[in-house]
Amino acid sequence: MVPKNVSSAFATTDAIKPDEPYDAEFEKLITAMLVRLGEDPDREGLKRTPMRVAKAMDFLTSGYNETVEEVVSDALFHEETREMVVVKDIEFYSLCEHHMLPFFGSAHIGYLPNGKVIGLSKVARVVDLFARRLQVQERLTTQIANGLMDALGAHGVAVVLEASHACMMMRGVQKQSSSTTTSAMRGSFESSTRTRAEFMSFIRR
């Protein structure tokens, strides 16, 4: 989210003069954090860090500023196909709400059309919409499934997320090879084991 008093150009470039803050209040907090960590925010390598961090955090939490309806917009098309549509290996990056460290991986999504199909790029956009918030993987999975189900009015939606969590890899138990898989099934994917199995066979290929 770009602060209201900041030019939109600031959101797309680091070419901001030292006396032209991106978000002065946010940058002040980051400067205080650097001091708390024992750093000198005035040294050469850190002089523009508060601005960069403020911009990065605004981008990584930009999902709060948009709705599924706005993302989908006019990309729903009437189509009588009833066959399963699967989009897999959608990269996503999010921030764990417990430690504000990244978790990242792949999303696999399927749906059974009910008179409408969605532009394929919008499926990835819906993933990003919810991923760019402070999250837990379980809720992210559910939000994607519910958002697509509501937008499409589909016979069913299936979502599987596979992710690695920096909070487990960099700190705590420090298990670098660990990963987490979550799923959410709606409509026919929940009620029909055959439909669910077909979807799972597609994403495992």
N, C-alpha and C. Protein backbone atom coordinates (compact mmCIF):
# COMPACT_ATOMS: atom_id res chain seq x y z
N MET A 1 0.85 -1.19 0.00
CA MET A 1 0.00 0.00 0.00
C MET A 1 0.87 1.23 0.00
N VAL A 2 0.67 2.11 -0.95
CA VAL A 2 1.43 3.35 -1.01
C VAL A 2 0.72 4.37 -0.14
N PRO A 3 1.41 5.01 0.82
CA PRO A 3 0.77 6.02 1.64
C PRO A 3 0.13 7.10 0.78
N LYS A 4 -0.98 7.68 1.25
CA LYS A 4 -1.75 8.61 0.44
C LYS A 4 -0.96 9.86 0.08
N ASN A 5 0.01 10.22 0.93
CA ASN A 5 0.76 11.45 0.68
C ASN A 5 2.06 11.20 -0.08
N VAL A 6 2.18 10.01 -0.66
CA VAL A 6 3.41 9.65 -1.36
C VAL A 6 3.11 9.43 -2.83
N SER A 7 3.97 9.97 -3.69
CA SER A 7 3.81 9.78 -5.13
C SER A 7 3.87 8.32 -5.49
N SER A 8 3.02 7.89 -6.44
CA SER A 8 3.03 6.49 -6.87
C SER A 8 4.37 6.10 -7.48
N ALA A 9 5.12 7.08 -7.96
CA ALA A 9 6.44 6.78 -8.53
C ALA A 9 7.36 6.20 -7.47
N PHE A 10 7.17 6.58 -6.22
CA PHE A 10 8.01 6.08 -5.15
C PHE A 10 7.82 4.60 -4.94
N ALA A 11 6.67 4.07 -5.34
CA ALA A 11 6.38 2.65 -5.12
C ALA A 11 7.09 1.76 -6.12
N THR A 12 7.63 2.35 -7.18
CA THR A 12 8.21 1.53 -8.24
C THR A 12 9.70 1.76 -8.44
N THR A 13 10.30 2.65 -7.63
CA THR A 13 11.73 2.92 -7.80
C THR A 13 12.35 3.28 -6.48
N ASP A 14 13.64 2.95 -6.34
CA ASP A 14 14.39 3.36 -5.16
C ASP A 14 15.05 4.72 -5.36
N ALA A 15 14.78 5.37 -6.48
CA ALA A 15 15.41 6.64 -6.81
C ALA A 15 14.75 7.79 -6.04
N ILE A 16 14.80 7.71 -4.72
CA ILE A 16 14.23 8.75 -3.87
C ILE A 16 15.38 9.43 -3.16
N LYS A 17 15.39 10.74 -3.17
CA LYS A 17 16.46 11.47 -2.51
C LYS A 17 16.37 11.26 -1.00
N PRO A 18 17.50 11.29 -0.31
CA PRO A 18 17.49 11.06 1.14
C PRO A 18 16.54 11.96 1.90
N ASP A 19 16.28 13.17 1.39
CA ASP A 19 15.39 14.10 2.09
C ASP A 19 13.95 13.98 1.60
N GLU A 20 13.63 12.95 0.81
CA GLU A 20 12.27 12.72 0.33
C GLU A 20 11.80 11.35 0.81
N PRO A 21 11.30 11.28 2.02
CA PRO A 21 10.91 9.97 2.57
C PRO A 21 9.74 9.36 1.81
N TYR A 22 9.74 8.05 1.78
CA TYR A 22 8.62 7.31 1.19
C TYR A 22 7.45 7.32 2.16
N ASP A 23 7.72 7.00 3.41
CA ASP A 23 6.70 6.99 4.47
C ASP A 23 7.44 7.30 5.77
N ALA A 24 7.46 8.55 6.13
CA ALA A 24 8.32 9.01 7.22
C ALA A 24 8.05 8.28 8.53
N GLU A 25 6.78 8.06 8.86
CA GLU A 25 6.44 7.40 10.12
C GLU A 25 6.92 5.95 10.14
N PHE A 26 6.68 5.25 9.04
CA PHE A 26 7.10 3.86 8.93
C PHE A 26 8.64 3.77 8.98
N GLU A 27 9.30 4.65 8.27
CA GLU A 27 10.76 4.63 8.23
C GLU A 27 11.36 4.93 9.61
N LYS A 28 10.68 5.77 10.39
CA LYS A 28 11.15 6.06 11.74
C LYS A 28 11.14 4.80 12.60
N LEU A 29 10.10 3.97 12.43
CA LEU A 29 10.02 2.71 13.18
C LEU A 29 11.15 1.77 12.80
N ILE A 30 11.46 1.70 11.52
CA ILE A 30 12.52 0.81 11.06
C ILE A 30 13.88 1.31 11.52
N THR A 31 14.06 2.62 11.52
CA THR A 31 15.31 3.19 12.04
C THR A 31 15.49 2.82 13.51
N ALA A 32 14.42 2.93 14.29
CA ALA A 32 14.47 2.56 15.70
C ALA A 32 14.82 1.08 15.88
N MET A 33 14.30 0.25 14.99
CA MET A 33 14.61 -1.18 15.05
C MET A 33 16.10 -1.42 14.79
N LEU A 34 16.65 -0.72 13.81
CA LEU A 34 18.07 -0.86 13.51
C LEU A 34 18.93 -0.48 14.71
N VAL A 35 18.55 0.61 15.39
CA VAL A 35 19.28 1.03 16.59
C VAL A 35 19.16 -0.02 17.67
N ARG A 36 17.95 -0.58 17.82
CA ARG A 36 17.71 -1.61 18.84
C ARG A 36 18.57 -2.85 18.57
N LEU A 37 18.84 -3.12 17.30
CA LEU A 37 19.66 -4.28 16.94
C LEU A 37 21.16 -4.01 17.12
N GLY A 38 21.49 -2.77 17.47
CA GLY A 38 22.90 -2.43 17.68
C GLY A 38 23.58 -1.87 16.45
N GLU A 39 22.80 -1.48 15.45
CA GLU A 39 23.36 -0.96 14.20
C GLU A 39 23.38 0.57 14.20
N ASP A 40 24.11 1.10 13.26
CA ASP A 40 24.18 2.54 13.03
C ASP A 40 23.40 2.85 11.75
N PRO A 41 22.19 3.37 11.86
CA PRO A 41 21.39 3.62 10.66
C PRO A 41 21.95 4.70 9.74
N ASP A 42 22.99 5.40 10.20
CA ASP A 42 23.60 6.44 9.37
C ASP A 42 24.80 5.94 8.58
N ARG A 43 25.19 4.68 8.80
CA ARG A 43 26.31 4.20 8.01
C ARG A 43 25.86 3.96 6.57
N GLU A 44 26.81 3.97 5.65
CA GLU A 44 26.51 4.00 4.22
C GLU A 44 25.53 2.90 3.78
N GLY A 45 25.76 1.67 4.23
CA GLY A 45 24.93 0.56 3.78
C GLY A 45 23.51 0.58 4.29
N LEU A 46 23.25 1.38 5.33
CA LEU A 46 21.91 1.38 5.95
C LEU A 46 21.15 2.69 5.78
N LYS A 47 21.76 3.69 5.16
CA LYS A 47 21.12 5.00 5.08
C LYS A 47 19.74 4.94 4.41
N ARG A 48 19.61 4.11 3.39
CA ARG A 48 18.33 4.04 2.67
C ARG A 48 17.53 2.78 3.02
N THR A 49 18.03 2.02 3.98
CA THR A 49 17.34 0.79 4.36
C THR A 49 15.93 1.04 4.89
N PRO A 50 15.69 2.02 5.76
CA PRO A 50 14.31 2.25 6.23
C PRO A 50 13.33 2.48 5.09
N MET A 51 13.74 3.25 4.07
CA MET A 51 12.87 3.47 2.91
C MET A 51 12.63 2.17 2.16
N ARG A 52 13.69 1.40 1.95
CA ARG A 52 13.55 0.15 1.20
C ARG A 52 12.66 -0.84 1.94
N VAL A 53 12.84 -0.95 3.24
CA VAL A 53 12.02 -1.89 4.02
C VAL A 53 10.56 -1.45 4.01
N ALA A 54 10.31 -0.15 4.15
CA ALA A 54 8.93 0.35 4.12
C ALA A 54 8.27 0.01 2.79
N LYS A 55 8.98 0.21 1.70
CA LYS A 55 8.43 -0.10 0.39
C LYS A 55 8.19 -1.59 0.23
N ALA A 56 9.16 -2.39 0.70
CA ALA A 56 9.02 -3.84 0.57
C ALA A 56 7.82 -4.35 1.37
N MET A 57 7.65 -3.85 2.59
CA MET A 57 6.53 -4.30 3.42
C MET A 57 5.19 -3.87 2.83
N ASP A 58 5.16 -2.68 2.25
CA ASP A 58 3.91 -2.25 1.60
C ASP A 58 3.55 -3.18 0.45
N PHE A 59 4.55 -3.58 -0.33
CA PHE A 59 4.29 -4.51 -1.44
C PHE A 59 3.88 -5.87 -0.92
N LEU A 60 4.59 -6.39 0.07
CA LEU A 60 4.33 -7.74 0.57
C LEU A 60 3.01 -7.85 1.33
N THR A 61 2.42 -6.73 1.70
CA THR A 61 1.11 -6.75 2.36
C THR A 61 0.04 -6.03 1.54
N SER A 62 0.29 -5.89 0.24
CA SER A 62 -0.64 -5.16 -0.62
C SER A 62 -1.95 -5.89 -0.84
N GLY A 63 -2.04 -7.15 -0.43
CA GLY A 63 -3.28 -7.90 -0.61
C GLY A 63 -4.44 -7.39 0.21
N TYR A 64 -4.16 -6.57 1.22
CA TYR A 64 -5.24 -5.99 2.02
C TYR A 64 -6.04 -4.95 1.25
N ASN A 65 -5.48 -4.47 0.14
CA ASN A 65 -6.07 -3.33 -0.55
C ASN A 65 -6.93 -3.68 -1.76
N GLU A 66 -7.19 -4.98 -1.95
CA GLU A 66 -7.93 -5.40 -3.13
C GLU A 66 -8.85 -6.55 -2.76
N THR A 67 -9.91 -6.75 -3.53
CA THR A 67 -10.85 -7.84 -3.31
C THR A 67 -10.78 -8.83 -4.46
N VAL A 68 -11.34 -10.01 -4.25
CA VAL A 68 -11.39 -11.01 -5.33
C VAL A 68 -12.16 -10.46 -6.51
N GLU A 69 -13.25 -9.76 -6.23
CA GLU A 69 -14.07 -9.20 -7.31
C GLU A 69 -13.26 -8.23 -8.18
N GLU A 70 -12.43 -7.42 -7.54
CA GLU A 70 -11.61 -6.48 -8.30
C GLU A 70 -10.54 -7.20 -9.11
N VAL A 71 -9.99 -8.27 -8.56
CA VAL A 71 -8.97 -9.03 -9.27
C VAL A 71 -9.58 -9.73 -10.49
N VAL A 72 -10.72 -10.38 -10.28
CA VAL A 72 -11.36 -11.13 -11.37
C VAL A 72 -11.90 -10.18 -12.42
N SER A 73 -12.50 -9.09 -11.98
CA SER A 73 -13.01 -8.03 -12.85
C SER A 73 -13.84 -8.60 -14.00
N ASP A 74 -13.42 -8.34 -15.23
CA ASP A 74 -14.18 -8.78 -16.41
C ASP A 74 -13.57 -10.03 -17.04
N ALA A 75 -12.85 -10.82 -16.24
CA ALA A 75 -12.17 -12.00 -16.80
C ALA A 75 -12.95 -13.29 -16.58
N LEU A 76 -14.27 -13.18 -16.39
CA LEU A 76 -15.14 -14.36 -16.34
C LEU A 76 -15.84 -14.47 -17.69
N PHE A 77 -15.79 -15.66 -18.27
CA PHE A 77 -16.34 -15.86 -19.61
C PHE A 77 -17.34 -17.01 -19.61
N HIS A 78 -18.45 -16.80 -20.28
CA HIS A 78 -19.47 -17.86 -20.38
C HIS A 78 -18.96 -18.97 -21.29
N GLU A 79 -18.98 -20.16 -20.77
CA GLU A 79 -18.50 -21.32 -21.51
C GLU A 79 -19.20 -22.55 -20.96
N GLU A 80 -19.69 -23.40 -21.85
CA GLU A 80 -20.48 -24.55 -21.42
C GLU A 80 -19.65 -25.78 -21.06
N THR A 81 -18.34 -25.66 -21.10
CA THR A 81 -17.51 -26.80 -20.72
C THR A 81 -17.77 -27.21 -19.28
N ARG A 82 -17.72 -28.52 -19.03
CA ARG A 82 -17.93 -29.04 -17.67
C ARG A 82 -16.72 -29.84 -17.21
N GLU A 83 -15.65 -29.77 -18.01
CA GLU A 83 -14.45 -30.53 -17.68
C GLU A 83 -13.57 -29.79 -16.67
N MET A 84 -12.82 -30.56 -15.92
CA MET A 84 -11.97 -29.99 -14.89
C MET A 84 -10.88 -29.10 -15.48
N VAL A 85 -10.65 -27.97 -14.83
CA VAL A 85 -9.57 -27.07 -15.19
C VAL A 85 -8.57 -27.07 -14.03
N VAL A 86 -7.31 -27.31 -14.32
CA VAL A 86 -6.27 -27.37 -13.28
C VAL A 86 -5.13 -26.43 -13.65
N VAL A 87 -4.77 -25.57 -12.72
CA VAL A 87 -3.60 -24.71 -12.86
C VAL A 87 -2.67 -25.07 -11.71
N LYS A 88 -1.49 -25.57 -12.02
CA LYS A 88 -0.61 -26.03 -10.95
C LYS A 88 0.73 -25.31 -10.98
N ASP A 89 1.50 -25.51 -9.90
CA ASP A 89 2.84 -24.93 -9.77
C ASP A 89 2.82 -23.41 -9.84
N ILE A 90 1.83 -22.80 -9.20
CA ILE A 90 1.76 -21.34 -9.12
C ILE A 90 2.65 -20.90 -7.95
N GLU A 91 3.73 -20.21 -8.24
CA GLU A 91 4.61 -19.75 -7.16
C GLU A 91 3.91 -18.71 -6.30
N PHE A 92 4.12 -18.81 -5.00
CA PHE A 92 3.60 -17.76 -4.11
C PHE A 92 4.60 -17.49 -3.00
N TYR A 93 4.52 -16.29 -2.45
CA TYR A 93 5.37 -15.86 -1.35
C TYR A 93 4.49 -15.12 -0.36
N SER A 94 4.62 -15.46 0.91
CA SER A 94 3.80 -14.81 1.92
C SER A 94 4.64 -14.59 3.18
N LEU A 95 4.05 -13.91 4.17
CA LEU A 95 4.71 -13.66 5.44
C LEU A 95 3.92 -14.32 6.56
N CYS A 96 4.60 -15.13 7.34
CA CYS A 96 3.99 -15.77 8.50
C CYS A 96 3.62 -14.70 9.53
N GLU A 97 2.39 -14.72 10.01
CA GLU A 97 1.95 -13.70 10.95
C GLU A 97 2.56 -13.87 12.34
N HIS A 98 3.14 -15.02 12.63
CA HIS A 98 3.71 -15.26 13.96
C HIS A 98 5.09 -14.63 14.13
N HIS A 99 5.91 -14.67 13.06
CA HIS A 99 7.27 -14.14 13.15
C HIS A 99 7.56 -13.12 12.04
N MET A 100 6.60 -12.92 11.14
CA MET A 100 6.80 -12.05 9.98
C MET A 100 8.01 -12.46 9.17
N LEU A 101 8.23 -13.77 9.08
CA LEU A 101 9.25 -14.35 8.21
C LEU A 101 8.56 -14.98 7.01
N PRO A 102 9.25 -15.12 5.89
CA PRO A 102 8.60 -15.63 4.68
C PRO A 102 8.24 -17.11 4.77
N PHE A 103 7.15 -17.46 4.10
CA PHE A 103 6.94 -18.85 3.68
C PHE A 103 6.55 -18.81 2.22
N PHE A 104 6.95 -19.83 1.49
CA PHE A 104 6.84 -19.76 0.04
C PHE A 104 6.74 -21.16 -0.53
N GLY A 105 6.18 -21.26 -1.72
CA GLY A 105 6.03 -22.56 -2.34
C GLY A 105 5.17 -22.50 -3.58
N SER A 106 4.37 -23.56 -3.77
CA SER A 106 3.55 -23.69 -4.98
C SER A 106 2.10 -23.94 -4.61
N ALA A 107 1.22 -23.34 -5.39
CA ALA A 107 -0.22 -23.56 -5.25
C ALA A 107 -0.71 -24.35 -6.46
N HIS A 108 -1.57 -25.32 -6.20
CA HIS A 108 -2.20 -26.12 -7.25
C HIS A 108 -3.71 -25.95 -7.10
N ILE A 109 -4.37 -25.54 -8.17
CA ILE A 109 -5.78 -25.18 -8.10
C ILE A 109 -6.55 -25.85 -9.23
N GLY A 110 -7.70 -26.40 -8.88
CA GLY A 110 -8.60 -26.98 -9.87
C GLY A 110 -10.02 -26.51 -9.64
N TYR A 111 -10.79 -26.46 -10.71
CA TYR A 111 -12.21 -26.16 -10.54
C TYR A 111 -13.04 -26.84 -11.62
N LEU A 112 -14.29 -27.07 -11.31
CA LEU A 112 -15.25 -27.65 -12.25
C LEU A 112 -16.21 -26.54 -12.67
N PRO A 113 -16.12 -26.06 -13.91
CA PRO A 113 -16.93 -24.92 -14.35
C PRO A 113 -18.43 -25.19 -14.26
N ASN A 114 -19.15 -24.14 -14.02
CA ASN A 114 -20.62 -24.18 -14.00
C ASN A 114 -21.14 -23.05 -14.89
N GLY A 115 -20.79 -23.15 -16.18
CA GLY A 115 -21.23 -22.14 -17.14
C GLY A 115 -20.29 -20.98 -17.31
N LYS A 116 -19.22 -20.92 -16.48
CA LYS A 116 -18.26 -19.82 -16.58
C LYS A 116 -16.84 -20.34 -16.36
N VAL A 117 -15.89 -19.75 -17.10
CA VAL A 117 -14.47 -20.02 -16.86
C VAL A 117 -13.80 -18.68 -16.57
N ILE A 118 -12.64 -18.77 -15.96
CA ILE A 118 -11.91 -17.56 -15.57
C ILE A 118 -10.60 -17.49 -16.34
N GLY A 119 -10.17 -16.29 -16.69
CA GLY A 119 -8.87 -16.12 -17.32
C GLY A 119 -7.79 -16.73 -16.44
N LEU A 120 -6.92 -17.53 -17.02
CA LEU A 120 -5.98 -18.31 -16.21
C LEU A 120 -5.07 -17.45 -15.36
N SER A 121 -4.66 -16.30 -15.86
CA SER A 121 -3.77 -15.44 -15.07
C SER A 121 -4.46 -14.94 -13.80
N LYS A 122 -5.78 -14.87 -13.84
CA LYS A 122 -6.51 -14.39 -12.67
C LYS A 122 -6.47 -15.40 -11.52
N VAL A 123 -6.31 -16.68 -11.85
CA VAL A 123 -6.18 -17.68 -10.79
C VAL A 123 -4.92 -17.37 -9.97
N ALA A 124 -3.83 -17.09 -10.67
CA ALA A 124 -2.58 -16.73 -9.98
C ALA A 124 -2.74 -15.41 -9.23
N ARG A 125 -3.49 -14.48 -9.79
CA ARG A 125 -3.70 -13.19 -9.12
C ARG A 125 -4.48 -13.36 -7.82
N VAL A 126 -5.43 -14.27 -7.80
CA VAL A 126 -6.18 -14.53 -6.57
C VAL A 126 -5.27 -15.12 -5.50
N VAL A 127 -4.36 -16.00 -5.92
CA VAL A 127 -3.38 -16.54 -4.98
C VAL A 127 -2.55 -15.41 -4.38
N ASP A 128 -2.04 -14.51 -5.22
CA ASP A 128 -1.23 -13.39 -4.74
C ASP A 128 -2.03 -12.46 -3.83
N LEU A 129 -3.30 -12.26 -4.16
CA LEU A 129 -4.15 -11.38 -3.36
C LEU A 129 -4.13 -11.79 -1.89
N PHE A 130 -4.30 -13.08 -1.63
CA PHE A 130 -4.35 -13.55 -0.25
C PHE A 130 -2.96 -13.82 0.32
N ALA A 131 -2.00 -14.16 -0.54
CA ALA A 131 -0.64 -14.40 -0.05
C ALA A 131 0.02 -13.12 0.43
N ARG A 132 -0.33 -11.99 -0.16
CA ARG A 132 0.30 -10.73 0.22
C ARG A 132 -0.42 -10.09 1.39
N ARG A 133 -0.53 -10.89 2.43
CA ARG A 133 -1.06 -10.47 3.73
C ARG A 133 -0.27 -11.23 4.79
N LEU A 134 -0.35 -10.79 6.04
CA LEU A 134 0.21 -11.60 7.11
C LEU A 134 -0.67 -12.83 7.23
N GLN A 135 -0.07 -14.03 7.18
CA GLN A 135 -0.87 -15.23 6.98
C GLN A 135 -0.38 -16.41 7.84
N VAL A 136 -1.23 -17.41 7.89
CA VAL A 136 -0.84 -18.79 8.20
C VAL A 136 -1.27 -19.61 6.98
N GLN A 137 -0.54 -20.65 6.69
CA GLN A 137 -0.79 -21.40 5.46
C GLN A 137 -2.19 -21.99 5.43
N GLU A 138 -2.68 -22.42 6.58
CA GLU A 138 -4.00 -23.04 6.63
C GLU A 138 -5.08 -22.05 6.21
N ARG A 139 -5.01 -20.83 6.73
CA ARG A 139 -6.01 -19.82 6.37
C ARG A 139 -5.86 -19.38 4.92
N LEU A 140 -4.62 -19.24 4.46
CA LEU A 140 -4.39 -18.86 3.07
C LEU A 140 -5.05 -19.85 2.12
N THR A 141 -4.91 -21.13 2.41
CA THR A 141 -5.51 -22.18 1.57
C THR A 141 -7.02 -22.03 1.52
N THR A 142 -7.61 -21.83 2.68
CA THR A 142 -9.07 -21.69 2.77
C THR A 142 -9.56 -20.44 2.05
N GLN A 143 -8.85 -19.33 2.21
CA GLN A 143 -9.28 -18.08 1.57
C GLN A 143 -9.25 -18.18 0.06
N ILE A 144 -8.21 -18.81 -0.48
CA ILE A 144 -8.14 -18.98 -1.93
C ILE A 144 -9.31 -19.82 -2.43
N ALA A 145 -9.58 -20.93 -1.74
CA ALA A 145 -10.68 -21.81 -2.15
C ALA A 145 -12.02 -21.10 -2.08
N ASN A 146 -12.28 -20.42 -0.97
CA ASN A 146 -13.57 -19.73 -0.81
C ASN A 146 -13.70 -18.58 -1.81
N GLY A 147 -12.61 -17.85 -2.02
CA GLY A 147 -12.66 -16.72 -2.96
C GLY A 147 -12.97 -17.15 -4.37
N LEU A 148 -12.32 -18.22 -4.83
CA LEU A 148 -12.57 -18.71 -6.19
C LEU A 148 -13.96 -19.33 -6.30
N MET A 149 -14.39 -20.04 -5.27
CA MET A 149 -15.72 -20.66 -5.30
C MET A 149 -16.79 -19.59 -5.42
N ASP A 150 -16.67 -18.52 -4.65
CA ASP A 150 -17.65 -17.44 -4.71
C ASP A 150 -17.62 -16.72 -6.05
N ALA A 151 -16.42 -16.46 -6.57
CA ALA A 151 -16.30 -15.71 -7.81
C ALA A 151 -16.78 -16.50 -9.02
N LEU A 152 -16.53 -17.80 -9.02
CA LEU A 152 -16.85 -18.64 -10.18
C LEU A 152 -18.24 -19.24 -10.13
N GLY A 153 -18.77 -19.41 -8.92
CA GLY A 153 -20.02 -20.17 -8.81
C GLY A 153 -19.84 -21.56 -9.38
N ALA A 154 -18.66 -22.14 -9.20
CA ALA A 154 -18.31 -23.41 -9.81
C ALA A 154 -18.99 -24.58 -9.12
N HIS A 155 -18.98 -25.73 -9.80
CA HIS A 155 -19.46 -26.96 -9.16
C HIS A 155 -18.53 -27.36 -8.03
N GLY A 156 -17.27 -26.96 -8.13
CA GLY A 156 -16.32 -27.28 -7.08
C GLY A 156 -14.99 -26.62 -7.31
N VAL A 157 -14.25 -26.42 -6.22
CA VAL A 157 -12.91 -25.84 -6.28
C VAL A 157 -12.01 -26.66 -5.37
N ALA A 158 -10.78 -26.91 -5.83
CA ALA A 158 -9.79 -27.61 -5.03
C ALA A 158 -8.51 -26.79 -4.98
N VAL A 159 -7.92 -26.69 -3.79
CA VAL A 159 -6.68 -25.94 -3.61
C VAL A 159 -5.72 -26.78 -2.76
N VAL A 160 -4.49 -26.93 -3.24
CA VAL A 160 -3.43 -27.57 -2.47
C VAL A 160 -2.22 -26.63 -2.47
N LEU A 161 -1.69 -26.32 -1.28
CA LEU A 161 -0.50 -25.51 -1.15
C LEU A 161 0.63 -26.34 -0.55
N GLU A 162 1.80 -26.22 -1.14
CA GLU A 162 3.01 -26.86 -0.61
C GLU A 162 4.01 -25.75 -0.35
N ALA A 163 4.50 -25.64 0.89
CA ALA A 163 5.34 -24.49 1.22
C ALA A 163 6.44 -24.84 2.21
N SER A 164 7.51 -24.05 2.14
CA SER A 164 8.59 -24.09 3.12
C SER A 164 8.50 -22.81 3.96
N HIS A 165 8.74 -22.95 5.25
CA HIS A 165 8.57 -21.84 6.18
C HIS A 165 9.91 -21.44 6.78
N ALA A 166 10.29 -20.18 6.56
CA ALA A 166 11.57 -19.70 7.09
C ALA A 166 11.59 -19.73 8.62
N CYS A 167 10.43 -19.63 9.26
CA CYS A 167 10.41 -19.65 10.72
C CYS A 167 10.79 -21.03 11.26
N MET A 168 10.65 -22.07 10.44
CA MET A 168 11.13 -23.40 10.82
C MET A 168 12.54 -23.67 10.31
N MET A 169 12.93 -22.98 9.26
CA MET A 169 14.22 -23.24 8.62
C MET A 169 15.35 -22.41 9.24
N MET A 170 15.06 -21.16 9.61
CA MET A 170 16.09 -20.23 10.06
C MET A 170 16.19 -20.12 11.57
N ARG A 171 15.14 -20.47 12.28
CA ARG A 171 15.10 -20.31 13.73
C ARG A 171 14.41 -21.53 14.33
N GLY A 172 14.19 -21.52 15.63
CA GLY A 172 13.45 -22.61 16.25
C GLY A 172 14.11 -23.96 16.01
N VAL A 173 13.35 -24.87 15.40
CA VAL A 173 13.88 -26.23 15.19
C VAL A 173 14.90 -26.30 14.06
N GLN A 174 14.96 -25.28 13.21
CA GLN A 174 15.96 -25.18 12.13
C GLN A 174 16.01 -26.44 11.26
N LYS A 175 14.85 -26.80 10.72
CA LYS A 175 14.75 -27.97 9.83
C LYS A 175 14.62 -27.47 8.40
N GLN A 176 15.75 -27.38 7.71
CA GLN A 176 15.77 -26.76 6.39
C GLN A 176 15.05 -27.54 5.31
N SER A 177 14.89 -28.83 5.50
CA SER A 177 14.26 -29.65 4.46
C SER A 177 12.76 -29.87 4.70
N SER A 178 12.22 -29.27 5.74
CA SER A 178 10.81 -29.50 6.06
C SER A 178 9.91 -28.73 5.10
N SER A 179 8.72 -29.27 4.89
CA SER A 179 7.71 -28.58 4.09
C SER A 179 6.34 -28.90 4.65
N THR A 180 5.38 -28.08 4.29
CA THR A 180 4.02 -28.23 4.80
C THR A 180 3.04 -28.25 3.62
N THR A 181 2.10 -29.18 3.65
CA THR A 181 1.07 -29.28 2.63
C THR A 181 -0.29 -29.09 3.26
N THR A 182 -1.09 -28.22 2.66
CA THR A 182 -2.46 -27.99 3.12
C THR A 182 -3.41 -28.08 1.94
N SER A 183 -4.66 -28.43 2.20
CA SER A 183 -5.64 -28.53 1.12
C SER A 183 -6.99 -28.01 1.58
N ALA A 184 -7.76 -27.55 0.61
CA ALA A 184 -9.14 -27.14 0.84
C ALA A 184 -9.96 -27.61 -0.34
N MET A 185 -11.02 -28.36 -0.08
CA MET A 185 -11.89 -28.89 -1.12
C MET A 185 -13.29 -28.32 -0.95
N ARG A 186 -13.87 -27.86 -2.04
CA ARG A 186 -15.20 -27.30 -2.00
C ARG A 186 -16.07 -27.96 -3.07
N GLY A 187 -17.36 -28.06 -2.80
CA GLY A 187 -18.30 -28.60 -3.78
C GLY A 187 -17.99 -30.03 -4.14
N SER A 188 -17.94 -30.32 -5.44
CA SER A 188 -17.76 -31.68 -5.93
C SER A 188 -16.44 -32.30 -5.48
N PHE A 189 -15.43 -31.49 -5.28
CA PHE A 189 -14.14 -32.02 -4.83
C PHE A 189 -14.22 -32.54 -3.40
N GLU A 190 -15.14 -31.98 -2.63
CA GLU A 190 -15.32 -32.44 -1.26
C GLU A 190 -16.24 -33.65 -1.18
N SER A 191 -17.28 -33.65 -2.03
CA SER A 191 -18.29 -34.71 -1.93
C SER A 191 -17.96 -35.96 -2.74
N SER A 192 -17.09 -35.84 -3.74
CA SER A 192 -16.80 -36.96 -4.62
C SER A 192 -15.33 -37.38 -4.50
N THR A 193 -15.10 -38.57 -4.02
CA THR A 193 -13.72 -39.07 -3.92
C THR A 193 -13.10 -39.25 -5.30
N ARG A 194 -13.92 -39.59 -6.29
CA ARG A 194 -13.41 -39.77 -7.65
C ARG A 194 -12.91 -38.44 -8.23
N THR A 195 -13.69 -37.39 -8.03
CA THR A 195 -13.28 -36.07 -8.53
C THR A 195 -12.02 -35.60 -7.83
N ARG A 196 -11.99 -35.79 -6.53
CA ARG A 196 -10.81 -35.39 -5.77
C ARG A 196 -9.57 -36.18 -6.21
N ALA A 197 -9.73 -37.47 -6.44
CA ALA A 197 -8.62 -38.30 -6.86
C ALA A 197 -8.11 -37.88 -8.24
N GLU A 198 -9.02 -37.51 -9.13
CA GLU A 198 -8.60 -37.06 -10.47
C GLU A 198 -7.76 -35.80 -10.35
N PHE A 199 -8.20 -34.87 -9.52
CA PHE A 199 -7.43 -33.64 -9.32
C PHE A 199 -6.05 -33.94 -8.76
N MET A 200 -5.99 -34.80 -7.75
CA MET A 200 -4.70 -35.12 -7.13
C MET A 200 -3.76 -35.80 -8.13
N SER A 201 -4.33 -36.62 -9.04
CA SER A 201 -3.49 -37.28 -10.04
C SER A 201 -2.89 -36.26 -11.00
N PHE A 202 -3.64 -35.21 -11.32
CA PHE A 202 -3.13 -34.16 -12.22
C PHE A 202 -1.95 -33.42 -11.58
N ILE A 203 -2.07 -33.05 -10.31
CA ILE A 203 -1.05 -32.20 -9.72
C ILE A 203 0.20 -32.99 -9.33
N ARG A 204 0.11 -34.33 -9.31
CA ARG A 204 1.27 -35.15 -8.96
C ARG A 204 2.07 -35.58 -10.18
N ARG A 205 1.61 -35.24 -11.36
CA ARG A 205 2.33 -35.64 -12.58
C ARG A 205 3.58 -34.79 -12.77
